C-alpha atoms as a PDB file:
ATOM      1  CA  MET A   1     135.785 101.048  99.921  1.00  0.00           C
ATOM      2  CA  ARG A   2     134.573 102.222  96.509  1.00  0.00           C
ATOM      3  CA  THR A   3     137.180 103.724  94.210  1.00  0.00           C
ATOM      4  CA  ILE A   4     137.100 105.331  90.787  1.00  0.00           C
ATOM      5  CA  ALA A   5     138.221 103.018  87.990  1.00  0.00           C
ATOM      6  CA  HIS A   6     137.732 105.527  85.166  1.00  0.00           C
ATOM      7  CA  VAL A   7     136.495 109.090  84.717  1.00  0.00           C
ATOM      8  CA  GLU A   8     135.452 110.568  81.388  1.00  0.00           C
ATOM      9  CA  PRO A   9     134.615 114.282  81.101  1.00  0.00           C
ATOM     10  CA  GLN A  10     131.723 115.090  78.753  1.00  0.00           C
ATOM     11  CA  ASP A  11     131.103 118.216  76.642  1.00  0.00           C
ATOM     12  CA  ASN A  12     128.122 119.193  78.827  1.00  0.00           C
ATOM     13  CA  TRP A  13     130.150 119.571  82.057  1.00  0.00           C
ATOM     14  CA  THR A  14     129.264 116.140  83.358  1.00  0.00           C
ATOM     15  CA  LEU A  15     131.613 113.380  84.419  1.00  0.00           C
ATOM     16  CA  LYS A  16     130.923 109.787  83.423  1.00  0.00           C
ATOM     17  CA  VAL A  17     132.419 107.862  86.330  1.00  0.00           C
ATOM     18  CA  THR A  18     133.033 104.125  86.404  1.00  0.00           C
ATOM     19  CA  PHE A  19     133.602 102.817  89.915  1.00  0.00           C
ATOM     20  CA  SER A  20     135.596  99.775  91.004  1.00  0.00           C
ATOM     21  CA  ASP A  21     132.376  97.781  91.428  1.00  0.00           C
ATOM     22  CA  ARG A  22     131.603  98.521  87.720  1.00  0.00           C
ATOM     23  CA  ASP A  23     128.748 100.876  88.617  1.00  0.00           C
ATOM     24  CA  ILE A  24     128.622 103.757  86.112  1.00  0.00           C
ATOM     25  CA  ARG A  25     127.218 107.126  87.157  1.00  0.00           C
ATOM     26  CA  THR A  26     126.967 110.616  85.695  1.00  0.00           C
ATOM     27  CA  PHE A  27     127.892 113.585  87.868  1.00  0.00           C
ATOM     28  CA  ASN A  28     126.685 117.052  86.834  1.00  0.00           C
ATOM     29  CA  MET A  29     129.362 119.675  87.490  1.00  0.00           C
ATOM     30  CA  ARG A  30     127.364 122.691  86.239  1.00  0.00           C
ATOM     31  CA  PRO A  31     125.942 123.732  89.657  1.00  0.00           C
ATOM     32  CA  LEU A  32     129.452 123.728  91.140  1.00  0.00           C
ATOM     33  CA  LEU A  33     130.857 126.102  88.520  1.00  0.00           C
ATOM     34  CA  ALA A  34     129.321 129.031  90.455  1.00  0.00           C
ATOM     35  CA  CYS A  35     131.618 128.246  93.421  1.00  0.00           C
ATOM     36  CA  ASP A  36     135.014 129.965  93.482  1.00  0.00           C
ATOM     37  CA  ALA A  37     136.886 126.668  93.840  1.00  0.00           C
ATOM     38  CA  PHE A  38     135.336 125.263  90.668  1.00  0.00           C
ATOM     39  CA  ALA A  39     135.061 128.488  88.600  1.00  0.00           C
ATOM     40  CA  PRO A  40     138.186 127.722  86.502  1.00  0.00           C
ATOM     41  CA  LEU A  41     136.386 124.617  85.242  1.00  0.00           C
ATOM     42  CA  ALA A  42     133.903 126.784  83.340  1.00  0.00           C
ATOM     43  CA  ASP A  43     136.581 126.623  80.642  1.00  0.00           C
ATOM     44  CA  LEU A  44     135.678 123.321  78.944  1.00  0.00           C
ATOM     45  CA  ALA A  45     139.301 122.596  78.024  1.00  0.00           C
ATOM     46  CA  GLU A  46     140.316 122.935  81.693  1.00  0.00           C
ATOM     47  CA  PHE A  47     137.340 120.821  82.828  1.00  0.00           C
ATOM     48  CA  LYS A  48     138.396 118.034  80.466  1.00  0.00           C
ATOM     49  CA  ARG A  49     141.855 117.852  82.070  1.00  0.00           C
ATOM     50  CA  VAL A  50     140.426 115.948  85.033  1.00  0.00           C
ATOM     51  CA  ARG A  51     142.766 113.434  86.656  1.00  0.00           C
ATOM     52  CA  ASN A  52     141.675 110.214  88.349  1.00  0.00           C
ATOM     53  CA  GLY A  53     143.271 109.769  91.770  1.00  0.00           C
ATOM     54  CA  GLY A  54     141.364 106.579  92.624  1.00  0.00           C
ATOM     55  CA  TYR A  55     139.700 107.955  95.747  1.00  0.00           C
ATOM     56  CA  TYR A  56     139.094 111.356  94.157  1.00  0.00           C
ATOM     57  CA  VAL A  57     139.255 113.306  90.916  1.00  0.00           C
ATOM     58  CA  GLU A  58     141.222 116.526  90.664  1.00  0.00           C
ATOM     59  CA  TRP A  59     142.126 119.355  88.333  1.00  0.00           C
ATOM     60  CA  ALA A  60     145.288 121.461  88.020  1.00  0.00           C
ATOM     61  CA  SER A  61     143.394 124.416  89.539  1.00  0.00           C
ATOM     62  CA  GLY A  62     143.269 122.536  92.853  1.00  0.00           C
ATOM     63  CA  ALA A  63     139.581 121.636  92.644  1.00  0.00           C
ATOM     64  CA  ASP A  64     138.765 118.071  93.628  1.00  0.00           C
ATOM     65  CA  LEU A  65     135.859 115.769  94.427  1.00  0.00           C
ATOM     66  CA  SER A  66     135.914 112.566  96.456  1.00  0.00           C
ATOM     67  CA  ALA A  67     134.767 109.212  95.121  1.00  0.00           C
ATOM     68  CA  ASP A  68     132.006 109.215  97.764  1.00  0.00           C
ATOM     69  CA  THR A  69     130.700 112.608  96.633  1.00  0.00           C
ATOM     70  CA  LEU A  70     130.733 111.509  93.014  1.00  0.00           C
ATOM     71  CA  TYR A  71     128.897 108.295  93.845  1.00  0.00           C
ATOM     72  CA  LEU A  72     126.276 109.718  96.193  1.00  0.00           C
ATOM     73  CA  ASP A  73     125.446 112.857  94.184  1.00  0.00           C
ATOM     74  CA  ALA A  74     125.503 111.286  90.692  1.00  0.00           C
ATOM     75  CA  GLN A  75     122.781 109.728  88.588  1.00  0.00           C
ATOM     76  CA  PRO A  76     123.001 106.001  87.818  1.00  0.00           C
END
């Protein structure tokens, strides 16, 4: 199973995600900011407080994304 080795939030509301297999992908969060669950992340400081849970990333607001979502919906 693919896990997240490292996640790095960028200033343009993207996440640079390095997976356990060393694949690096960029996930664009901007479209999700319109959803209630992700709206608090429109604050760049809050967005940058992302935490790596291995199988997911999460924020203090309760928003989260699975490793599979990040992998499948990101750009290599």
